[in-house]
């Protein structure tokens, strides 16, 4: 049986993929620090790969958790948080 978990106090209450947002922000920082041809080429490639990975993970979460995940996904943006907005008390099965 699924046990509900709270997502209201972590980064996951504001965005669904904080680890990918952080990694893309770091890659952008590297691009600004070392604006070379390889970094110019690799940044959009890696960013696209992480967005695709996030989409794949979301499909797996929908298959595993169903409607509770759909409710969470409809309330919380994937990558860019709503300013001044928190999820509150959404529960997901573990």
PDB file of N, CA and C in Angstrom:
ATOM      1  N   UNK A   1       0.837  -1.190   0.000  1.00  0.00           N
ATOM      2  CA  UNK A   1       0.000   0.000   0.000  1.00  0.00           C
ATOM      3  C   UNK A   1       0.878   1.247   0.000  1.00  0.00           C
ATOM      4  N   UNK A   2       0.457   2.248  -0.728  1.00  0.00           N
ATOM      5  CA  UNK A   2       1.225   3.489  -0.821  1.00  0.00           C
ATOM      6  C   UNK A   2       1.070   4.311   0.451  1.00  0.00           C
ATOM      7  N   UNK A   3       2.172   4.839   0.917  1.00  0.00           N
ATOM      8  CA  UNK A   3       2.176   5.685   2.108  1.00  0.00           C
ATOM      9  C   UNK A   3       2.348   7.130   1.656  1.00  0.00           C
ATOM     10  N   UNK A   4       1.457   8.060   2.057  1.00  0.00           N
ATOM     11  CA  UNK A   4       1.602   9.451   1.602  1.00  0.00           C
ATOM     12  C   UNK A   4       2.829  10.113   2.212  1.00  0.00           C
ATOM     13  N   UNK A   5       3.495  10.916   1.403  1.00  0.00           N
ATOM     14  CA  UNK A   5       4.626  11.712   1.884  1.00  0.00           C
ATOM     15  C   UNK A   5       4.337  13.172   1.577  1.00  0.00           C
ATOM     16  N   UNK A   6       4.872  14.052   2.394  1.00  0.00           N
ATOM     17  CA  UNK A   6       4.655  15.487   2.189  1.00  0.00           C
ATOM     18  C   UNK A   6       5.747  16.069   1.306  1.00  0.00           C
ATOM     19  N   UNK A   7       5.325  16.977   0.437  1.00  0.00           N
ATOM     20  CA  UNK A   7       6.242  17.651  -0.452  1.00  0.00           C
ATOM     21  C   UNK A   7       6.158  19.153  -0.204  1.00  0.00           C
ATOM     22  N   UNK A   8       5.716  19.546   0.977  1.00  0.00           N
ATOM     23  CA  UNK A   8       5.412  20.949   1.215  1.00  0.00           C
ATOM     24  C   UNK A   8       6.570  21.748   1.794  1.00  0.00           C
ATOM     25  N   UNK A   9       7.645  21.112   2.222  1.00  0.00           N
ATOM     26  CA  UNK A   9       8.698  21.856   2.891  1.00  0.00           C
ATOM     27  C   UNK A   9      10.043  21.798   2.168  1.00  0.00           C
ATOM     28  N   UNK A  10      10.123  21.135   1.065  1.00  0.00           N
ATOM     29  CA  UNK A  10      11.395  21.039   0.351  1.00  0.00           C
ATOM     30  C   UNK A  10      11.322  21.819  -0.959  1.00  0.00           C
ATOM     31  N   UNK A  11      12.403  21.790  -1.701  1.00  0.00           N
ATOM     32  CA  UNK A  11      12.419  22.448  -3.011  1.00  0.00           C
ATOM     33  C   UNK A  11      11.370  21.854  -3.946  1.00  0.00           C
ATOM     34  N   UNK A  12      11.027  20.597  -3.718  1.00  0.00           N
ATOM     35  CA  UNK A  12      10.046  19.932  -4.570  1.00  0.00           C
ATOM     36  C   UNK A  12       8.639  20.510  -4.409  1.00  0.00           C
ATOM     37  N   UNK A  13       8.420  21.353  -3.432  1.00  0.00           N
ATOM     38  CA  UNK A  13       7.138  22.042  -3.297  1.00  0.00           C
ATOM     39  C   UNK A  13       7.051  23.237  -4.242  1.00  0.00           C
ATOM     40  N   UNK A  14       8.180  23.645  -4.795  1.00  0.00           N
ATOM     41  CA  UNK A  14       8.230  24.822  -5.668  1.00  0.00           C
ATOM     42  C   UNK A  14       8.534  24.472  -7.120  1.00  0.00           C
ATOM     43  N   UNK A  15       9.395  23.471  -7.339  1.00  0.00           N
ATOM     44  CA  UNK A  15       9.685  22.977  -8.683  1.00  0.00           C
ATOM     45  C   UNK A  15       9.874  21.465  -8.605  1.00  0.00           C
ATOM     46  N   UNK A  16       9.488  20.788  -9.687  1.00  0.00           N
ATOM     47  CA  UNK A  16       9.557  19.325  -9.670  1.00  0.00           C
ATOM     48  C   UNK A  16      10.953  18.785  -9.922  1.00  0.00           C
ATOM     49  N   UNK A  17      11.838  19.581 -10.518  1.00  0.00           N
ATOM     50  CA  UNK A  17      13.172  19.087 -10.879  1.00  0.00           C
ATOM     51  C   UNK A  17      14.272  20.050 -10.419  1.00  0.00           C
ATOM     52  N   UNK A  18      14.391  20.263  -9.117  1.00  0.00           N
ATOM     53  CA  UNK A  18      15.409  21.227  -8.663  1.00  0.00           C
ATOM     54  C   UNK A  18      16.839  20.807  -8.984  1.00  0.00           C
ATOM     55  N   UNK A  19      17.113  19.510  -9.013  1.00  0.00           N
ATOM     56  CA  UNK A  19      18.466  19.060  -9.307  1.00  0.00           C
ATOM     57  C   UNK A  19      18.855  19.394 -10.746  1.00  0.00           C
ATOM     58  N   UNK A  20      17.920  19.283 -11.675  1.00  0.00           N
ATOM     59  CA  UNK A  20      18.222  19.603 -13.066  1.00  0.00           C
ATOM     60  C   UNK A  20      18.321  21.110 -13.278  1.00  0.00           C
ATOM     61  N   UNK A  21      17.502  21.858 -12.582  1.00  0.00           N
ATOM     62  CA  UNK A  21      17.601  23.324 -12.659  1.00  0.00           C
ATOM     63  C   UNK A  21      18.971  23.772 -12.164  1.00  0.00           C
ATOM     64  N   UNK A  22      19.423  23.199 -11.055  1.00  0.00           N
ATOM     65  CA  UNK A  22      20.742  23.556 -10.517  1.00  0.00           C
ATOM     66  C   UNK A  22      21.856  23.169 -11.484  1.00  0.00           C
ATOM     67  N   UNK A  23      21.747  21.997 -12.077  1.00  0.00           N
ATOM     68  CA  UNK A  23      22.791  21.565 -13.000  1.00  0.00           C
ATOM     69  C   UNK A  23      22.830  22.445 -14.243  1.00  0.00           C
ATOM     70  N   UNK A  24      21.674  22.801 -14.772  1.00  0.00           N
ATOM     71  CA  UNK A  24      21.633  23.685 -15.945  1.00  0.00           C
ATOM     72  C   UNK A  24      22.171  25.069 -15.583  1.00  0.00           C
ATOM     73  N   UNK A  25      21.876  25.551 -14.377  1.00  0.00           N
ATOM     74  CA  UNK A  25      22.422  26.839 -13.932  1.00  0.00           C
ATOM     75  C   UNK A  25      23.944  26.773 -13.823  1.00  0.00           C
ATOM     76  N   UNK A  26      24.468  25.650 -13.334  1.00  0.00           N
ATOM     77  CA  UNK A  26      25.932  25.497 -13.268  1.00  0.00           C
ATOM     78  C   UNK A  26      26.536  25.463 -14.666  1.00  0.00           C
ATOM     79  N   UNK A  27      25.899  24.755 -15.582  1.00  0.00           N
ATOM     80  CA  UNK A  27      26.408  24.713 -16.958  1.00  0.00           C
ATOM     81  C   UNK A  27      26.382  26.106 -17.577  1.00  0.00           C
ATOM     82  N   UNK A  28      25.349  26.879 -17.290  1.00  0.00           N
ATOM     83  CA  UNK A  28      25.279  28.251 -17.805  1.00  0.00           C
ATOM     84  C   UNK A  28      26.411  29.091 -17.221  1.00  0.00           C
ATOM     85  N   UNK A  29      26.715  28.889 -15.945  1.00  0.00           N
ATOM     86  CA  UNK A  29      27.840  29.578 -15.325  1.00  0.00           C
ATOM     87  C   UNK A  29      29.159  29.229 -15.990  1.00  0.00           C
ATOM     88  N   UNK A  30      29.351  27.949 -16.281  1.00  0.00           N
ATOM     89  CA  UNK A  30      30.564  27.546 -17.003  1.00  0.00           C
ATOM     90  C   UNK A  30      30.617  28.187 -18.377  1.00  0.00           C
ATOM     91  N   UNK A  31      29.465  28.277 -19.030  1.00  0.00           N
ATOM     92  CA  UNK A  31      29.412  28.914 -20.347  1.00  0.00           C
ATOM     93  C   UNK A  31      29.825  30.380 -20.251  1.00  0.00           C
ATOM     94  N   UNK A  32      29.372  31.066 -19.204  1.00  0.00           N
ATOM     95  CA  UNK A  32      29.757  32.467 -19.028  1.00  0.00           C
ATOM     96  C   UNK A  32      31.228  32.612 -18.666  1.00  0.00           C
ATOM     97  N   UNK A  33      31.734  31.665 -17.869  1.00  0.00           N
ATOM     98  CA  UNK A  33      33.129  31.748 -17.441  1.00  0.00           C
ATOM     99  C   UNK A  33      34.083  31.343 -18.550  1.00  0.00           C
ATOM    100  N   UNK A  34      33.751  30.319 -19.304  1.00  0.00           N
ATOM    101  CA  UNK A  34      34.608  29.835 -20.389  1.00  0.00           C
ATOM    102  C   UNK A  34      33.814  29.794 -21.688  1.00  0.00           C
ATOM    103  N   UNK A  35      33.600  30.939 -22.318  1.00  0.00           N
ATOM    104  CA  UNK A  35      32.802  30.950 -23.557  1.00  0.00           C
ATOM    105  C   UNK A  35      33.623  30.453 -24.756  1.00  0.00           C
ATOM    106  N   UNK A  36      33.801  29.142 -24.823  1.00  0.00           N
ATOM    107  CA  UNK A  36      34.549  28.524 -25.917  1.00  0.00           C
ATOM    108  C   UNK A  36      33.583  27.804 -26.843  1.00  0.00           C
ATOM    109  N   UNK A  37      34.090  27.390 -27.980  1.00  0.00           N
ATOM    110  CA  UNK A  37      33.250  26.654 -28.932  1.00  0.00           C
ATOM    111  C   UNK A  37      32.673  25.379 -28.297  1.00  0.00           C
ATOM    112  N   UNK A  38      33.496  24.567 -27.589  1.00  0.00           N
ATOM    113  CA  UNK A  38      32.902  23.364 -26.978  1.00  0.00           C
ATOM    114  C   UNK A  38      31.794  23.680 -25.967  1.00  0.00           C
ATOM    115  N   UNK A  39      31.975  24.714 -25.134  1.00  0.00           N
ATOM    116  CA  UNK A  39      30.913  25.028 -24.170  1.00  0.00           C
ATOM    117  C   UNK A  39      29.680  25.595 -24.872  1.00  0.00           C
ATOM    118  N   UNK A  40      29.878  26.346 -25.939  1.00  0.00           N
ATOM    119  CA  UNK A  40      28.738  26.865 -26.707  1.00  0.00           C
ATOM    120  C   UNK A  40      27.949  25.725 -27.356  1.00  0.00           C
ATOM    121  N   UNK A  41      28.654  24.683 -27.773  1.00  0.00           N
ATOM    122  CA  UNK A  41      27.989  23.535 -28.391  1.00  0.00           C
ATOM    123  C   UNK A  41      27.347  22.646 -27.337  1.00  0.00           C
ATOM    124  N   UNK A  42      28.054  22.398 -26.253  1.00  0.00           N
ATOM    125  CA  UNK A  42      27.585  21.424 -25.273  1.00  0.00           C
ATOM    126  C   UNK A  42      26.449  21.939 -24.391  1.00  0.00           C
ATOM    127  N   UNK A  43      26.389  23.239 -24.125  1.00  0.00           N
ATOM    128  CA  UNK A  43      25.337  23.747 -23.244  1.00  0.00           C
ATOM    129  C   UNK A  43      23.937  23.404 -23.746  1.00  0.00           C
ATOM    130  N   UNK A  44      23.583  23.765 -24.977  1.00  0.00           N
ATOM    131  CA  UNK A  44      22.213  23.433 -25.401  1.00  0.00           C
ATOM    132  C   UNK A  44      21.982  21.925 -25.521  1.00  0.00           C
ATOM    133  N   UNK A  45      23.022  21.171 -25.893  1.00  0.00           N
ATOM    134  CA  UNK A  45      22.877  19.718 -26.001  1.00  0.00           C
ATOM    135  C   UNK A  45      22.584  19.122 -24.628  1.00  0.00           C
ATOM    136  N   UNK A  46      23.384  19.492 -23.621  1.00  0.00           N
ATOM    137  CA  UNK A  46      23.188  18.953 -22.277  1.00  0.00           C
ATOM    138  C   UNK A  46      21.874  19.435 -21.657  1.00  0.00           C
ATOM    139  N   UNK A  47      21.527  20.690 -21.878  1.00  0.00           N
ATOM    140  CA  UNK A  47      20.253  21.200 -21.352  1.00  0.00           C
ATOM    141  C   UNK A  47      19.091  20.415 -21.951  1.00  0.00           C
ATOM    142  N   UNK A  48      19.133  20.171 -23.250  1.00  0.00           N
ATOM    143  CA  UNK A  48      18.075  19.399 -23.914  1.00  0.00           C
ATOM    144  C   UNK A  48      18.022  17.983 -23.346  1.00  0.00           C
ATOM    145  N   UNK A  49      19.191  17.367 -23.115  1.00  0.00           N
ATOM    146  CA  UNK A  49      19.227  16.002 -22.572  1.00  0.00           C
ATOM    147  C   UNK A  49      18.606  15.946 -21.179  1.00  0.00           C
ATOM    148  N   UNK A  50      18.863  16.959 -20.337  1.00  0.00           N
ATOM    149  CA  UNK A  50      18.297  16.956 -18.995  1.00  0.00           C
ATOM    150  C   UNK A  50      16.792  17.226 -19.010  1.00  0.00           C
ATOM    151  N   UNK A  51      16.328  18.021 -19.925  1.00  0.00           N
ATOM    152  CA  UNK A  51      14.879  18.232 -20.057  1.00  0.00           C
ATOM    153  C   UNK A  51      14.212  16.930 -20.482  1.00  0.00           C
ATOM    154  N   UNK A  52      14.822  16.231 -21.436  1.00  0.00           N
ATOM    155  CA  UNK A  52      14.280  14.933 -21.876  1.00  0.00           C
ATOM    156  C   UNK A  52      14.292  13.914 -20.736  1.00  0.00           C
ATOM    157  N   UNK A  53      15.368  13.904 -19.943  1.00  0.00           N
ATOM    158  CA  UNK A  53      15.453  12.997 -18.806  1.00  0.00           C
ATOM    159  C   UNK A  53      14.338  13.297 -17.802  1.00  0.00           C
ATOM    160  N   UNK A  54      14.086  14.570 -17.562  1.00  0.00           N
ATOM    161  CA  UNK A  54      13.007  14.957 -16.651  1.00  0.00           C
ATOM    162  C   UNK A  54      11.659  14.483 -17.175  1.00  0.00           C
ATOM    163  N   UNK A  55      11.439  14.609 -18.470  1.00  0.00           N
ATOM    164  CA  UNK A  55      10.177  14.156 -19.057  1.00  0.00           C
ATOM    165  C   UNK A  55      10.024  12.642 -18.916  1.00  0.00           C
ATOM    166  N   UNK A  56      11.107  11.908 -19.114  1.00  0.00           N
ATOM    167  CA  UNK A  56      11.075  10.455 -18.954  1.00  0.00           C
ATOM    168  C   UNK A  56      10.764  10.080 -17.516  1.00  0.00           C
ATOM    169  N   UNK A  57      11.392  10.764 -16.574  1.00  0.00           N
ATOM    170  CA  UNK A  57      11.124  10.495 -15.160  1.00  0.00           C
ATOM    171  C   UNK A  57       9.672  10.804 -14.798  1.00  0.00           C
ATOM    172  N   UNK A  58       9.124  11.864 -15.377  1.00  0.00           N
ATOM    173  CA  UNK A  58       7.727  12.203 -15.106  1.00  0.00           C
ATOM    174  C   UNK A  58       6.798  11.107 -15.605  1.00  0.00           C
ATOM    175  N   UNK A  59       7.097  10.529 -16.768  1.00  0.00           N
ATOM    176  CA  UNK A  59       6.284   9.429 -17.272  1.00  0.00           C
ATOM    177  C   UNK A  59       6.349   8.236 -16.323  1.00  0.00           C
ATOM    178  N   UNK A  60       7.532   7.955 -15.792  1.00  0.00           N
ATOM    179  CA  UNK A  60       7.679   6.851 -14.839  1.00  0.00           C
ATOM    180  C   UNK A  60       6.903   7.136 -13.552  1.00  0.00           C
ATOM    181  N   UNK A  61       6.946   8.382 -13.086  1.00  0.00           N
ATOM    182  CA  UNK A  61       6.213   8.746 -11.875  1.00  0.00           C
ATOM    183  C   UNK A  61       4.711   8.626 -12.095  1.00  0.00           C
ATOM    184  N   UNK A  62       4.234   9.033 -13.261  1.00  0.00           N
ATOM    185  CA  UNK A  62       2.801   8.902 -13.557  1.00  0.00           C
ATOM    186  C   UNK A  62       2.390   7.432 -13.582  1.00  0.00           C
ATOM    187  N   UNK A  63       3.241   6.587 -14.147  1.00  0.00           N
ATOM    188  CA  UNK A  63       2.932   5.156 -14.203  1.00  0.00           C
ATOM    189  C   UNK A  63       2.918   4.545 -12.804  1.00  0.00           C
ATOM    190  N   UNK A  64       3.817   5.008 -11.937  1.00  0.00           N
ATOM    191  CA  UNK A  64       3.912   4.425 -10.599  1.00  0.00           C
ATOM    192  C   UNK A  64       2.878   4.990  -9.627  1.00  0.00           C
ATOM    193  N   UNK A  65       2.644   6.319  -9.675  1.00  0.00           N
ATOM    194  CA  UNK A  65       1.802   6.957  -8.660  1.00  0.00           C
ATOM    195  C   UNK A  65       0.435   7.403  -9.166  1.00  0.00           C
ATOM    196  N   UNK A  66       0.263   7.529 -10.476  1.00  0.00           N
ATOM    197  CA  UNK A  66      -1.044   7.855 -11.041  1.00  0.00           C
ATOM    198  C   UNK A  66      -1.577   9.234 -10.690  1.00  0.00           C
ATOM    199  N   UNK A  67      -2.833   9.281 -10.243  1.00  0.00           N
ATOM    200  CA  UNK A  67      -3.525  10.543  -9.987  1.00  0.00           C
ATOM    201  C   UNK A  67      -2.848  11.442  -8.953  1.00  0.00           C
ATOM    202  N   UNK A  68      -2.299  10.896  -7.859  1.00  0.00           N
ATOM    203  CA  UNK A  68      -1.618  11.799  -6.918  1.00  0.00           C
ATOM    204  C   UNK A  68      -0.459  12.558  -7.570  1.00  0.00           C
ATOM    205  N   UNK A  69       0.276  11.881  -8.446  1.00  0.00           N
ATOM    206  CA  UNK A  69       1.371  12.584  -9.129  1.00  0.00           C
ATOM    207  C   UNK A  69       0.813  13.599 -10.117  1.00  0.00           C
ATOM    208  N   UNK A  70      -0.258  13.259 -10.803  1.00  0.00           N
ATOM    209  CA  UNK A  70      -0.871  14.218 -11.730  1.00  0.00           C
ATOM    210  C   UNK A  70      -1.318  15.483 -11.002  1.00  0.00           C
ATOM    211  N   UNK A  71      -1.881  15.329  -9.802  1.00  0.00           N
ATOM    212  CA  UNK A  71      -2.285  16.490  -9.007  1.00  0.00           C
ATOM    213  C   UNK A  71      -1.074  17.331  -8.630  1.00  0.00           C
ATOM    214  N   UNK A  72      -0.014  16.661  -8.213  1.00  0.00           N
ATOM    215  CA  UNK A  72       1.231  17.354  -7.857  1.00  0.00           C
ATOM    216  C   UNK A  72       1.796  18.075  -9.075  1.00  0.00           C
ATOM    217  N   UNK A  73       1.848  17.383 -10.219  1.00  0.00           N
ATOM    218  CA  UNK A  73       2.419  17.973 -11.430  1.00  0.00           C
ATOM    219  C   UNK A  73       1.591  19.157 -11.922  1.00  0.00           C
ATOM    220  N   UNK A  74       0.292  19.123 -11.705  1.00  0.00           N
ATOM    221  CA  UNK A  74      -0.525  20.255 -12.147  1.00  0.00           C
ATOM    222  C   UNK A  74      -0.376  21.457 -11.220  1.00  0.00           C
ATOM    223  N   UNK A  75       0.042  21.223  -9.975  1.00  0.00           N
ATOM    224  CA  UNK A  75       0.188  22.326  -9.016  1.00  0.00           C
ATOM    225  C   UNK A  75       1.593  22.900  -8.974  1.00  0.00           C
ATOM    226  N   UNK A  76       2.588  22.119  -9.369  1.00  0.00           N
ATOM    227  CA  UNK A  76       3.982  22.538  -9.229  1.00  0.00           C
ATOM    228  C   UNK A  76       4.642  22.557 -10.603  1.00  0.00           C
ATOM    229  N   UNK A  77       5.246  23.688 -10.995  1.00  0.00           N
ATOM    230  CA  UNK A  77       5.905  23.763 -12.298  1.00  0.00           C
ATOM    231  C   UNK A  77       7.150  22.873 -12.350  1.00  0.00           C
ATOM    232  N   UNK A  78       7.523  22.466 -13.536  1.00  0.00           N
ATOM    233  CA  UNK A  78       8.655  21.549 -13.703  1.00  0.00           C
ATOM    234  C   UNK A  78       9.991  22.225 -13.438  1.00  0.00           C
ATOM    235  N   UNK A  79      10.218  23.421 -13.993  1.00  0.00           N
ATOM    236  CA  UNK A  79      11.548  24.018 -13.933  1.00  0.00           C
ATOM    237  C   UNK A  79      11.601  25.445 -13.380  1.00  0.00           C
ATOM    238  N   UNK A  80      10.618  26.245 -13.676  1.00  0.00           N
ATOM    239  CA  UNK A  80      10.651  27.656 -13.264  1.00  0.00           C
ATOM    240  C   UNK A  80       9.579  27.877 -12.208  1.00  0.00           C
ATOM    241  N   UNK A  81       9.969  28.179 -10.969  1.00  0.00           N
ATOM    242  CA  UNK A  81       8.968  28.305  -9.894  1.00  0.00           C
ATOM    243  C   UNK A  81       8.109  29.550 -10.055  1.00  0.00           C
ATOM    244  N   UNK A  82       6.889  29.450  -9.544  1.00  0.00           N
ATOM    245  CA  UNK A  82       6.025  30.619  -9.444  1.00  0.00           C
ATOM    246  C   UNK A  82       6.539  31.447  -8.273  1.00  0.00           C
ATOM    247  N   UNK A  83       6.771  32.714  -8.465  1.00  0.00           N
ATOM    248  CA  UNK A  83       7.280  33.559  -7.393  1.00  0.00           C
ATOM    249  C   UNK A  83       6.215  33.739  -6.316  1.00  0.00           C
ATOM    250  N   UNK A  84       6.624  33.596  -5.072  1.00  0.00           N
ATOM    251  CA  UNK A  84       5.713  33.771  -3.958  1.00  0.00           C
ATOM    252  C   UNK A  84       4.677  32.672  -3.828  1.00  0.00           C
ATOM    253  N   UNK A  85       4.967  31.520  -4.389  1.00  0.00           N
ATOM    254  CA  UNK A  85       3.992  30.443  -4.412  1.00  0.00           C
ATOM    255  C   UNK A  85       4.602  29.183  -3.832  1.00  0.00           C
ATOM    256  N   UNK A  86       3.888  28.540  -2.944  1.00  0.00           N
ATOM    257  CA  UNK A  86       4.307  27.250  -2.417  1.00  0.00           C
ATOM    258  C   UNK A  86       3.192  26.248  -2.588  1.00  0.00           C
ATOM    259  N   UNK A  87       3.545  25.007  -2.592  1.00  0.00           N
ATOM    260  CA  UNK A  87       2.563  23.965  -2.824  1.00  0.00           C
ATOM    261  C   UNK A  87       1.606  23.810  -1.657  1.00  0.00           C
ATOM    262  N   UNK A  88       2.123  23.915  -0.450  1.00  0.00           N
ATOM    263  CA  UNK A  88       1.257  23.738   0.706  1.00  0.00           C
ATOM    264  C   UNK A  88       1.319  22.329   1.234  1.00  0.00           C
ATOM    265  N   UNK A  89       0.278  21.547   1.035  1.00  0.00           N
ATOM    266  CA  UNK A  89       0.240  20.240   1.680  1.00  0.00           C
ATOM    267  C   UNK A  89      -0.093  19.104   0.726  1.00  0.00           C
ATOM    268  N   UNK A  90       0.418  19.136  -0.476  1.00  0.00           N
ATOM    269  CA  UNK A  90       0.176  18.036  -1.385  1.00  0.00           C
ATOM    270  C   UNK A  90       0.839  16.773  -0.863  1.00  0.00           C
ATOM    271  N   UNK A  91       0.120  15.676  -0.914  1.00  0.00           N
ATOM    272  CA  UNK A  91       0.667  14.399  -0.473  1.00  0.00           C
ATOM    273  C   UNK A  91       0.809  13.481  -1.666  1.00  0.00           C
ATOM    274  N   UNK A  92       1.933  12.773  -1.721  1.00  0.00           N
ATOM    275  CA  UNK A  92       2.164  11.779  -2.741  1.00  0.00           C
ATOM    276  C   UNK A  92       2.361  10.428  -2.081  1.00  0.00           C
ATOM    277  N   UNK A  93       1.960   9.374  -2.749  1.00  0.00           N
ATOM    278  CA  UNK A  93       2.272   8.063  -2.181  1.00  0.00           C
ATOM    279  C   UNK A  93       3.760   7.782  -2.303  1.00  0.00           C
ATOM    280  N   UNK A  94       4.294   7.077  -1.349  1.00  0.00           N
ATOM    281  CA  UNK A  94       5.708   6.713  -1.392  1.00  0.00           C
ATOM    282  C   UNK A  94       5.867   5.379  -2.064  1.00  0.00           C
TER     283      UNK A  94
END
